[in-house]
Protein backbone atom coordinates (compact mmCIF):
# COMPACT_ATOMS: atom_id res chain seq x y z
CA MET A 1 55.88 14.93 27.42
CA LYS A 2 56.28 11.54 25.68
CA LYS A 3 55.79 8.37 27.61
CA LYS A 4 58.50 5.77 26.97
CA LEU A 5 57.82 2.04 26.75
CA PRO A 6 60.00 -0.25 28.76
CA ALA A 7 62.73 -1.96 26.75
CA SER A 8 61.42 -5.38 27.74
CA MET A 9 58.44 -4.93 25.36
CA THR A 10 60.80 -4.49 22.42
CA VAL A 11 62.85 -7.53 23.40
CA GLU A 12 59.76 -9.68 23.87
CA ALA A 13 58.40 -8.62 20.47
CA ALA A 14 61.75 -9.40 18.85
CA LEU A 15 61.63 -12.91 20.30
CA VAL A 16 57.97 -13.65 19.62
CA MET A 17 57.69 -12.40 16.03
CA PRO A 18 60.14 -14.90 14.47
CA ILE A 19 58.31 -17.76 16.19
CA VAL A 20 54.95 -16.54 14.90
CA LEU A 21 56.30 -16.08 11.37
CA ALA A 22 57.97 -19.51 11.38
CA ALA A 23 54.70 -21.12 12.48
CA LEU A 24 52.81 -19.27 9.75
CA ILE A 25 55.30 -20.38 7.09
CA ALA A 26 55.11 -24.00 8.33
CA VAL A 27 51.30 -23.97 8.12
CA MET A 28 51.42 -22.51 4.60
CA GLY A 29 53.92 -25.18 3.49
CA PHE A 30 51.70 -27.93 4.88
CA ASP A 31 48.68 -26.42 3.11
CA MET A 32 50.52 -26.39 -0.22
CA LYS A 33 51.49 -30.06 0.16
CA MET A 34 47.92 -30.99 1.05
CA HIS A 35 46.64 -29.04 -1.95
CA ASP A 36 48.91 -31.00 -4.29
CA LEU A 37 47.94 -34.29 -2.65
CA VAL A 38 44.23 -33.58 -3.03
CA ILE A 39 44.61 -32.49 -6.67
CA GLY A 40 46.65 -35.62 -7.43
CA ASN A 41 44.08 -37.91 -5.82
CA MET A 42 41.21 -36.16 -7.56
CA VAL A 43 42.83 -36.43 -11.00
CA THR A 44 43.71 -40.09 -10.40
CA ASN A 45 40.12 -40.92 -9.42
CA GLU A 46 38.63 -38.96 -12.30
CA VAL A 47 40.82 -40.49 -14.98
CA THR A 48 40.38 -44.02 -13.63
CA GLU A 49 36.59 -43.67 -13.63
CA ARG A 50 36.51 -42.11 -17.08
CA PHE A 51 38.65 -44.95 -18.41
CA GLY A 52 36.50 -47.64 -16.81
CA HIS A 53 33.03 -46.22 -17.34
CA LEU A 54 33.18 -44.34 -20.63
CA PRO A 55 34.08 -46.65 -23.53
CA GLU A 56 34.49 -43.72 -25.93
CA GLU A 57 37.36 -42.41 -23.78
CA ARG A 58 39.37 -45.64 -23.76
CA GLU A 59 42.29 -43.96 -25.51
CA THR A 60 44.87 -44.06 -22.74
CA THR A 61 47.26 -41.53 -24.27
CA GLU A 62 44.56 -38.84 -24.36
CA LEU A 63 43.60 -39.50 -20.74
CA GLU A 64 47.25 -39.53 -19.65
CA GLU A 65 47.80 -36.18 -21.40
CA TYR A 66 44.67 -34.81 -19.74
CA ALA A 67 45.90 -35.98 -16.32
CA GLU A 68 49.37 -34.53 -16.86
CA GLN A 69 47.86 -31.22 -17.96
CA ARG A 70 45.75 -31.07 -14.80
CA LEU A 71 48.74 -32.03 -12.64
CA ARG A 72 50.84 -29.20 -14.10
CA ASN A 73 48.48 -26.80 -12.33
CA THR A 74 49.61 -28.00 -8.92
CA ILE A 75 51.89 -25.91 -6.76
CA SER A 76 54.84 -28.28 -7.22
CA GLY A 77 54.35 -28.11 -10.99
CA MET A 78 55.97 -30.78 -13.11
CA GLY A 79 56.91 -33.12 -10.26
CA TYR A 80 54.18 -35.68 -11.05
CA GLY A 81 54.24 -38.69 -13.33
CA PHE A 82 51.07 -40.47 -14.40
CA SER A 83 50.36 -43.76 -16.14
CA LEU A 84 47.11 -45.51 -17.00
CA GLU A 85 46.68 -49.09 -18.16
CA GLU A 86 44.03 -51.74 -18.53
CA TYR A 87 43.92 -54.01 -15.52
CA LYS A 88 41.77 -57.15 -15.44
CA ASN A 89 38.34 -55.86 -16.55
CA GLY A 90 38.91 -52.29 -15.39
CA SER A 91 41.79 -49.88 -15.18
CA ARG A 92 44.84 -49.15 -13.07
CA ALA A 93 46.21 -45.66 -12.57
CA VAL A 94 49.60 -44.91 -11.05
CA LEU A 95 50.36 -41.41 -9.80
CA GLN A 96 54.00 -40.83 -8.91
CA GLY A 97 54.56 -37.59 -7.02
CA PRO A 98 57.67 -35.88 -5.72
CA GLU A 99 57.06 -37.16 -2.18
CA ASN A 100 54.38 -39.81 -2.54
CA SER A 101 52.80 -42.25 -4.96
CA ARG A 102 49.34 -43.71 -5.35
CA VAL A 103 48.03 -46.74 -7.20
CA LEU A 104 44.32 -46.89 -7.89
CA GLU A 105 42.63 -49.95 -9.37
CA ASP A 106 39.09 -49.71 -10.68
CA PRO A 107 37.35 -53.06 -11.27
CA GLY A 108 35.34 -51.59 -14.12
CA PHE A 109 31.71 -50.77 -14.60
CA ARG A 110 29.48 -53.64 -13.44
CA PRO A 111 25.89 -52.40 -13.19
CA GLU A 112 24.55 -55.79 -12.07
CA GLN A 113 26.48 -55.57 -8.79
CA THR A 114 25.15 -52.09 -8.17
CA MET A 115 21.60 -53.28 -8.77
CA ARG A 116 22.10 -56.20 -6.36
CA LYS A 117 23.34 -53.86 -3.65
CA ILE A 118 20.41 -51.49 -4.17
CA THR A 119 17.98 -54.43 -3.95
CA ILE A 120 19.58 -55.58 -0.68
CA ILE A 121 19.40 -52.05 0.76
CA GLU A 122 15.75 -51.70 -0.28
CA GLY A 123 14.98 -55.06 1.36
CA ILE A 124 16.61 -53.95 4.60
CA MET A 125 14.80 -50.60 4.57
CA THR A 126 11.34 -52.18 4.14
CA GLU A 127 11.78 -54.60 7.04
């Protein structure tokens, strides 16, 4: 003889499952947005540093094309715009996304400041 489940179990499952699925979809949507944000920030940082630190890669159109190619691989696809320009002694990158934008300014490569900071740190560490 088969044992029957009470109808309340079916009703409870019918109410709980849509909530669980909606929460799962919301988490996945948030993850996709964060993925695009991280990729955009990473590409902006990389291109700005390459422009400022590598004189052989000072051709802005090549770096902009490289950035746009990398940004096409994001989940939102072609929704990003990217521009790179010389700014003071360094570079300035502007990333315009579908929901956000980011401006990154790199002061340029100044090894003497880095050496001063290292000397200060070494002085503090020996005391």
